[in-house]
């Protein structure tokens, strides 16, 4: 397993964990956004640019959600 594959595995695992725990704290929403950013980087580095674009959009959506929930 090469370093890029390990990086992708870490990004996707972090996304799943943060998504599962998102209801517990807004910080998990921010973690999900960051993990989506890592997933986007992975997609572009791997050459799967559609995956990279979709993950970047998810990152923006999650960051916006975190901004809304952290103001309460």
PDB file of N, CA and C in Angstrom:
ATOM      1  N   UNK A   1       0.849  -1.164   0.000  1.00  0.00           N
ATOM      2  CA  UNK A   1       0.000   0.000   0.000  1.00  0.00           C
ATOM      3  C   UNK A   1       0.903   1.238   0.000  1.00  0.00           C
ATOM      4  N   UNK A   2       0.694   2.135  -0.954  1.00  0.00           N
ATOM      5  CA  UNK A   2       1.549   3.311  -1.051  1.00  0.00           C
ATOM      6  C   UNK A   2       1.022   4.454  -0.173  1.00  0.00           C
ATOM      7  N   UNK A   3       1.797   5.524  -0.098  1.00  0.00           N
ATOM      8  CA  UNK A   3       1.470   6.647   0.783  1.00  0.00           C
ATOM      9  C   UNK A   3       0.180   7.348   0.361  1.00  0.00           C
ATOM     10  N   UNK A   4      -0.056   7.457  -0.940  1.00  0.00           N
ATOM     11  CA  UNK A   4      -1.276   8.121  -1.409  1.00  0.00           C
ATOM     12  C   UNK A   4      -2.520   7.335  -1.009  1.00  0.00           C
ATOM     13  N   UNK A   5      -2.454   6.024  -1.100  1.00  0.00           N
ATOM     14  CA  UNK A   5      -3.584   5.185  -0.692  1.00  0.00           C
ATOM     15  C   UNK A   5      -3.829   5.296   0.805  1.00  0.00           C
ATOM     16  N   UNK A   6      -2.777   5.328   1.593  1.00  0.00           N
ATOM     17  CA  UNK A   6      -2.929   5.498   3.044  1.00  0.00           C
ATOM     18  C   UNK A   6      -3.540   6.858   3.378  1.00  0.00           C
ATOM     19  N   UNK A   7      -3.123   7.887   2.655  1.00  0.00           N
ATOM     20  CA  UNK A   7      -3.685   9.222   2.851  1.00  0.00           C
ATOM     21  C   UNK A   7      -5.185   9.219   2.547  1.00  0.00           C
ATOM     22  N   UNK A   8      -5.571   8.586   1.449  1.00  0.00           N
ATOM     23  CA  UNK A   8      -6.987   8.484   1.096  1.00  0.00           C
ATOM     24  C   UNK A   8      -7.778   7.693   2.121  1.00  0.00           C
ATOM     25  N   UNK A   9      -7.204   6.620   2.608  1.00  0.00           N
ATOM     26  CA  UNK A   9      -7.858   5.815   3.641  1.00  0.00           C
ATOM     27  C   UNK A   9      -8.067   6.625   4.909  1.00  0.00           C
ATOM     28  N   UNK A  10      -7.063   7.394   5.297  1.00  0.00           N
ATOM     29  CA  UNK A  10      -7.189   8.256   6.470  1.00  0.00           C
ATOM     30  C   UNK A  10      -8.290   9.288   6.267  1.00  0.00           C
ATOM     31  N   UNK A  11      -8.320   9.935   5.094  1.00  0.00           N
ATOM     32  CA  UNK A  11      -9.314  10.979   4.824  1.00  0.00           C
ATOM     33  C   UNK A  11     -10.731  10.420   4.880  1.00  0.00           C
ATOM     34  N   UNK A  12     -10.958   9.291   4.244  1.00  0.00           N
ATOM     35  CA  UNK A  12     -12.301   8.704   4.213  1.00  0.00           C
ATOM     36  C   UNK A  12     -12.707   8.193   5.599  1.00  0.00           C
ATOM     37  N   UNK A  13     -11.772   7.617   6.332  1.00  0.00           N
ATOM     38  CA  UNK A  13     -12.077   7.152   7.689  1.00  0.00           C
ATOM     39  C   UNK A  13     -12.428   8.329   8.593  1.00  0.00           C
ATOM     40  N   UNK A  14     -11.675   9.419   8.491  1.00  0.00           N
ATOM     41  CA  UNK A  14     -11.959  10.612   9.284  1.00  0.00           C
ATOM     42  C   UNK A  14     -13.333  11.181   8.928  1.00  0.00           C
ATOM     43  N   UNK A  15     -13.679  11.156   7.644  1.00  0.00           N
ATOM     44  CA  UNK A  15     -15.010  11.621   7.224  1.00  0.00           C
ATOM     45  C   UNK A  15     -16.105  10.800   7.872  1.00  0.00           C
ATOM     46  N   UNK A  16     -15.963   9.487   7.826  1.00  0.00           N
ATOM     47  CA  UNK A  16     -16.988   8.602   8.383  1.00  0.00           C
ATOM     48  C   UNK A  16     -17.141   8.800   9.885  1.00  0.00           C
ATOM     49  N   UNK A  17     -16.022   8.894  10.594  1.00  0.00           N
ATOM     50  CA  UNK A  17     -16.075   9.060  12.051  1.00  0.00           C
ATOM     51  C   UNK A  17     -16.721  10.402  12.414  1.00  0.00           C
ATOM     52  N   UNK A  18     -16.290  11.466  11.764  1.00  0.00           N
ATOM     53  CA  UNK A  18     -16.852  12.787  12.065  1.00  0.00           C
ATOM     54  C   UNK A  18     -18.322  12.864  11.685  1.00  0.00           C
ATOM     55  N   UNK A  19     -18.700  12.264  10.584  1.00  0.00           N
ATOM     56  CA  UNK A  19     -20.107  12.267  10.180  1.00  0.00           C
ATOM     57  C   UNK A  19     -20.956  11.508  11.194  1.00  0.00           C
ATOM     58  N   UNK A  20     -20.456  10.387  11.683  1.00  0.00           N
ATOM     59  CA  UNK A  20     -21.202   9.584  12.648  1.00  0.00           C
ATOM     60  C   UNK A  20     -21.379  10.318  13.975  1.00  0.00           C
ATOM     61  N   UNK A  21     -20.414  11.156  14.342  1.00  0.00           N
ATOM     62  CA  UNK A  21     -20.450  11.854  15.626  1.00  0.00           C
ATOM     63  C   UNK A  21     -20.936  13.300  15.517  1.00  0.00           C
ATOM     64  N   UNK A  22     -21.371  13.690  14.338  1.00  0.00           N
ATOM     65  CA  UNK A  22     -21.724  15.084  14.071  1.00  0.00           C
ATOM     66  C   UNK A  22     -22.800  15.639  15.010  1.00  0.00           C
ATOM     67  N   UNK A  23     -23.740  14.817  15.434  1.00  0.00           N
ATOM     68  CA  UNK A  23     -24.824  15.293  16.300  1.00  0.00           C
ATOM     69  C   UNK A  23     -24.327  15.616  17.706  1.00  0.00           C
ATOM     70  N   UNK A  24     -23.165  15.139  18.081  1.00  0.00           N
ATOM     71  CA  UNK A  24     -22.649  15.343  19.442  1.00  0.00           C
ATOM     72  C   UNK A  24     -22.060  16.722  19.671  1.00  0.00           C
ATOM     73  N   UNK A  25     -21.480  17.300  18.636  1.00  0.00           N
ATOM     74  CA  UNK A  25     -20.815  18.588  18.802  1.00  0.00           C
ATOM     75  C   UNK A  25     -20.606  19.242  17.435  1.00  0.00           C
ATOM     76  N   UNK A  26     -20.699  20.572  17.378  1.00  0.00           N
ATOM     77  CA  UNK A  26     -20.388  21.265  16.118  1.00  0.00           C
ATOM     78  C   UNK A  26     -18.942  21.050  15.669  1.00  0.00           C
ATOM     79  N   UNK A  27     -18.066  20.706  16.610  1.00  0.00           N
ATOM     80  CA  UNK A  27     -16.669  20.484  16.248  1.00  0.00           C
ATOM     81  C   UNK A  27     -16.507  19.278  15.327  1.00  0.00           C
ATOM     82  N   UNK A  28     -17.398  18.300  15.448  1.00  0.00           N
ATOM     83  CA  UNK A  28     -17.350  17.165  14.526  1.00  0.00           C
ATOM     84  C   UNK A  28     -17.781  17.588  13.128  1.00  0.00           C
ATOM     85  N   UNK A  29     -18.652  18.581  13.044  1.00  0.00           N
ATOM     86  CA  UNK A  29     -19.025  19.120  11.736  1.00  0.00           C
ATOM     87  C   UNK A  29     -17.819  19.795  11.089  1.00  0.00           C
ATOM     88  N   UNK A  30     -17.073  20.539  11.889  1.00  0.00           N
ATOM     89  CA  UNK A  30     -15.851  21.160  11.366  1.00  0.00           C
ATOM     90  C   UNK A  30     -14.828  20.095  10.981  1.00  0.00           C
ATOM     91  N   UNK A  31     -14.725  19.055  11.795  1.00  0.00           N
ATOM     92  CA  UNK A  31     -13.833  17.944  11.451  1.00  0.00           C
ATOM     93  C   UNK A  31     -14.246  17.261  10.166  1.00  0.00           C
ATOM     94  N   UNK A  32     -15.556  17.126   9.964  1.00  0.00           N
ATOM     95  CA  UNK A  32     -16.052  16.545   8.716  1.00  0.00           C
ATOM     96  C   UNK A  32     -15.665  17.415   7.532  1.00  0.00           C
ATOM     97  N   UNK A  33     -15.786  18.732   7.697  1.00  0.00           N
ATOM     98  CA  UNK A  33     -15.389  19.649   6.621  1.00  0.00           C
ATOM     99  C   UNK A  33     -13.903  19.500   6.300  1.00  0.00           C
ATOM    100  N   UNK A  34     -13.089  19.430   7.339  1.00  0.00           N
ATOM    101  CA  UNK A  34     -11.641  19.276   7.123  1.00  0.00           C
ATOM    102  C   UNK A  34     -11.329  17.943   6.444  1.00  0.00           C
ATOM    103  N   UNK A  35     -12.006  16.880   6.872  1.00  0.00           N
ATOM    104  CA  UNK A  35     -11.784  15.567   6.264  1.00  0.00           C
ATOM    105  C   UNK A  35     -12.230  15.559   4.806  1.00  0.00           C
ATOM    106  N   UNK A  36     -13.303  16.263   4.496  1.00  0.00           N
ATOM    107  CA  UNK A  36     -13.732  16.380   3.095  1.00  0.00           C
ATOM    108  C   UNK A  36     -12.676  17.118   2.276  1.00  0.00           C
ATOM    109  N   UNK A  37     -12.057  18.133   2.898  1.00  0.00           N
ATOM    110  CA  UNK A  37     -10.960  18.830   2.219  1.00  0.00           C
ATOM    111  C   UNK A  37      -9.804  17.890   1.919  1.00  0.00           C
ATOM    112  N   UNK A  38      -9.474  17.027   2.887  1.00  0.00           N
ATOM    113  CA  UNK A  38      -8.421  16.037   2.651  1.00  0.00           C
ATOM    114  C   UNK A  38      -8.829  15.051   1.560  1.00  0.00           C
ATOM    115  N   UNK A  39     -10.109  14.666   1.572  1.00  0.00           N
ATOM    116  CA  UNK A  39     -10.608  13.773   0.521  1.00  0.00           C
ATOM    117  C   UNK A  39     -10.531  14.419  -0.856  1.00  0.00           C
ATOM    118  N   UNK A  40     -10.794  15.714  -0.896  1.00  0.00           N
ATOM    119  CA  UNK A  40     -10.689  16.438  -2.164  1.00  0.00           C
ATOM    120  C   UNK A  40      -9.250  16.455  -2.668  1.00  0.00           C
ATOM    121  N   UNK A  41      -8.324  16.730  -1.774  1.00  0.00           N
ATOM    122  CA  UNK A  41      -6.902  16.717  -2.144  1.00  0.00           C
ATOM    123  C   UNK A  41      -6.519  15.334  -2.662  1.00  0.00           C
ATOM    124  N   UNK A  42      -6.969  14.307  -1.954  1.00  0.00           N
ATOM    125  CA  UNK A  42      -6.690  12.937  -2.388  1.00  0.00           C
ATOM    126  C   UNK A  42      -7.236  12.682  -3.794  1.00  0.00           C
ATOM    127  N   UNK A  43      -8.462  13.092  -4.040  1.00  0.00           N
ATOM    128  CA  UNK A  43      -9.061  12.877  -5.358  1.00  0.00           C
ATOM    129  C   UNK A  43      -8.254  13.532  -6.463  1.00  0.00           C
ATOM    130  N   UNK A  44      -7.839  14.767  -6.239  1.00  0.00           N
ATOM    131  CA  UNK A  44      -7.048  15.454  -7.264  1.00  0.00           C
ATOM    132  C   UNK A  44      -5.673  14.819  -7.438  1.00  0.00           C
ATOM    133  N   UNK A  45      -5.039  14.433  -6.322  1.00  0.00           N
ATOM    134  CA  UNK A  45      -3.718  13.799  -6.434  1.00  0.00           C
ATOM    135  C   UNK A  45      -3.792  12.457  -7.144  1.00  0.00           C
ATOM    136  N   UNK A  46      -4.889  11.760  -6.948  1.00  0.00           N
ATOM    137  CA  UNK A  46      -5.053  10.444  -7.577  1.00  0.00           C
ATOM    138  C   UNK A  46      -5.405  10.574  -9.058  1.00  0.00           C
ATOM    139  N   UNK A  47      -5.887  11.744  -9.438  1.00  0.00           N
ATOM    140  CA  UNK A  47      -6.301  11.945 -10.824  1.00  0.00           C
ATOM    141  C   UNK A  47      -7.787  11.772 -11.040  1.00  0.00           C
ATOM    142  N   UNK A  48      -8.521  11.580  -9.972  1.00  0.00           N
ATOM    143  CA  UNK A  48      -9.982  11.436 -10.058  1.00  0.00           C
ATOM    144  C   UNK A  48     -10.598  12.796  -9.765  1.00  0.00           C
ATOM    145  N   UNK A  49     -10.478  13.724 -10.726  1.00  0.00           N
ATOM    146  CA  UNK A  49     -10.909  15.096 -10.477  1.00  0.00           C
ATOM    147  C   UNK A  49     -12.400  15.232 -10.161  1.00  0.00           C
ATOM    148  N   UNK A  50     -13.316  14.391 -10.718  1.00  0.00           N
ATOM    149  CA  UNK A  50     -14.721  14.546 -10.302  1.00  0.00           C
ATOM    150  C   UNK A  50     -14.903  14.289  -8.801  1.00  0.00           C
ATOM    151  N   UNK A  51     -14.196  13.302  -8.272  1.00  0.00           N
ATOM    152  CA  UNK A  51     -14.238  13.023  -6.834  1.00  0.00           C
ATOM    153  C   UNK A  51     -13.699  14.217  -6.059  1.00  0.00           C
ATOM    154  N   UNK A  52     -12.627  14.795  -6.527  1.00  0.00           N
ATOM    155  CA  UNK A  52     -12.041  15.962  -5.874  1.00  0.00           C
ATOM    156  C   UNK A  52     -12.988  17.145  -5.847  1.00  0.00           C
ATOM    157  N   UNK A  53     -13.713  17.357  -6.933  1.00  0.00           N
ATOM    158  CA  UNK A  53     -14.670  18.464  -7.002  1.00  0.00           C
ATOM    159  C   UNK A  53     -15.834  18.230  -6.049  1.00  0.00           C
ATOM    160  N   UNK A  54     -16.377  17.017  -6.046  1.00  0.00           N
ATOM    161  CA  UNK A  54     -17.508  16.705  -5.170  1.00  0.00           C
ATOM    162  C   UNK A  54     -17.107  16.838  -3.705  1.00  0.00           C
ATOM    163  N   UNK A  55     -15.946  16.379  -3.353  1.00  0.00           N
ATOM    164  CA  UNK A  55     -15.489  16.500  -1.971  1.00  0.00           C
ATOM    165  C   UNK A  55     -15.267  17.961  -1.592  1.00  0.00           C
ATOM    166  N   UNK A  56     -14.812  18.780  -2.520  1.00  0.00           N
ATOM    167  CA  UNK A  56     -14.644  20.212  -2.240  1.00  0.00           C
ATOM    168  C   UNK A  56     -16.002  20.869  -1.983  1.00  0.00           C
ATOM    169  N   UNK A  57     -17.013  20.457  -2.731  1.00  0.00           N
ATOM    170  CA  UNK A  57     -18.364  20.988  -2.504  1.00  0.00           C
ATOM    171  C   UNK A  57     -18.868  20.553  -1.126  1.00  0.00           C
ATOM    172  N   UNK A  58     -18.672  19.273  -0.774  1.00  0.00           N
ATOM    173  CA  UNK A  58     -19.078  18.789   0.546  1.00  0.00           C
ATOM    174  C   UNK A  58     -18.346  19.550   1.648  1.00  0.00           C
ATOM    175  N   UNK A  59     -17.088  19.872   1.419  1.00  0.00           N
ATOM    176  CA  UNK A  59     -16.330  20.638   2.396  1.00  0.00           C
ATOM    177  C   UNK A  59     -16.982  22.004   2.617  1.00  0.00           C
ATOM    178  N   UNK A  60     -17.345  22.675   1.535  1.00  0.00           N
ATOM    179  CA  UNK A  60     -17.978  23.990   1.646  1.00  0.00           C
ATOM    180  C   UNK A  60     -19.321  23.901   2.364  1.00  0.00           C
ATOM    181  N   UNK A  61     -20.118  22.883   2.044  1.00  0.00           N
ATOM    182  CA  UNK A  61     -21.422  22.708   2.684  1.00  0.00           C
ATOM    183  C   UNK A  61     -21.252  22.450   4.182  1.00  0.00           C
ATOM    184  N   UNK A  62     -20.330  21.588   4.536  1.00  0.00           N
ATOM    185  CA  UNK A  62     -20.109  21.263   5.947  1.00  0.00           C
ATOM    186  C   UNK A  62     -19.558  22.471   6.701  1.00  0.00           C
ATOM    187  N   UNK A  63     -18.687  23.239   6.070  1.00  0.00           N
ATOM    188  CA  UNK A  63     -18.140  24.427   6.729  1.00  0.00           C
ATOM    189  C   UNK A  63     -19.245  25.452   6.963  1.00  0.00           C
ATOM    190  N   UNK A  64     -20.113  25.633   5.984  1.00  0.00           N
ATOM    191  CA  UNK A  64     -21.251  26.538   6.136  1.00  0.00           C
ATOM    192  C   UNK A  64     -22.160  26.067   7.260  1.00  0.00           C
ATOM    193  N   UNK A  65     -22.412  24.764   7.334  1.00  0.00           N
ATOM    194  CA  UNK A  65     -23.238  24.211   8.403  1.00  0.00           C
ATOM    195  C   UNK A  65     -22.583  24.448   9.761  1.00  0.00           C
ATOM    196  N   UNK A  66     -21.269  24.276   9.848  1.00  0.00           N
ATOM    197  CA  UNK A  66     -20.566  24.517  11.096  1.00  0.00           C
ATOM    198  C   UNK A  66     -20.675  25.984  11.502  1.00  0.00           C
ATOM    199  N   UNK A  67     -20.531  26.885  10.543  1.00  0.00           N
ATOM    200  CA  UNK A  67     -20.646  28.312  10.853  1.00  0.00           C
ATOM    201  C   UNK A  67     -22.036  28.637  11.396  1.00  0.00           C
ATOM    202  N   UNK A  68     -23.067  28.067  10.819  1.00  0.00           N
ATOM    203  CA  UNK A  68     -24.443  28.300  11.286  1.00  0.00           C
ATOM    204  C   UNK A  68     -24.654  27.736  12.674  1.00  0.00           C
ATOM    205  N   UNK A  69     -24.171  26.532  12.943  1.00  0.00           N
ATOM    206  CA  UNK A  69     -24.426  25.895  14.235  1.00  0.00           C
ATOM    207  C   UNK A  69     -23.532  26.431  15.342  1.00  0.00           C
ATOM    208  N   UNK A  70     -22.375  26.961  15.002  1.00  0.00           N
ATOM    209  CA  UNK A  70     -21.474  27.462  16.048  1.00  0.00           C
ATOM    210  C   UNK A  70     -21.902  28.834  16.559  1.00  0.00           C
ATOM    211  N   UNK A  71     -22.788  29.509  15.848  1.00  0.00           N
ATOM    212  CA  UNK A  71     -23.275  30.833  16.289  1.00  0.00           C
ATOM    213  C   UNK A  71     -24.336  30.729  17.366  1.00  0.00           C
ATOM    214  N   UNK A  72     -24.956  29.589  17.500  1.00  0.00           N
ATOM    215  CA  UNK A  72     -26.060  29.424  18.460  1.00  0.00           C
ATOM    216  C   UNK A  72     -25.590  29.443  19.881  1.00  0.00           C
TER     217      UNK A  72
END
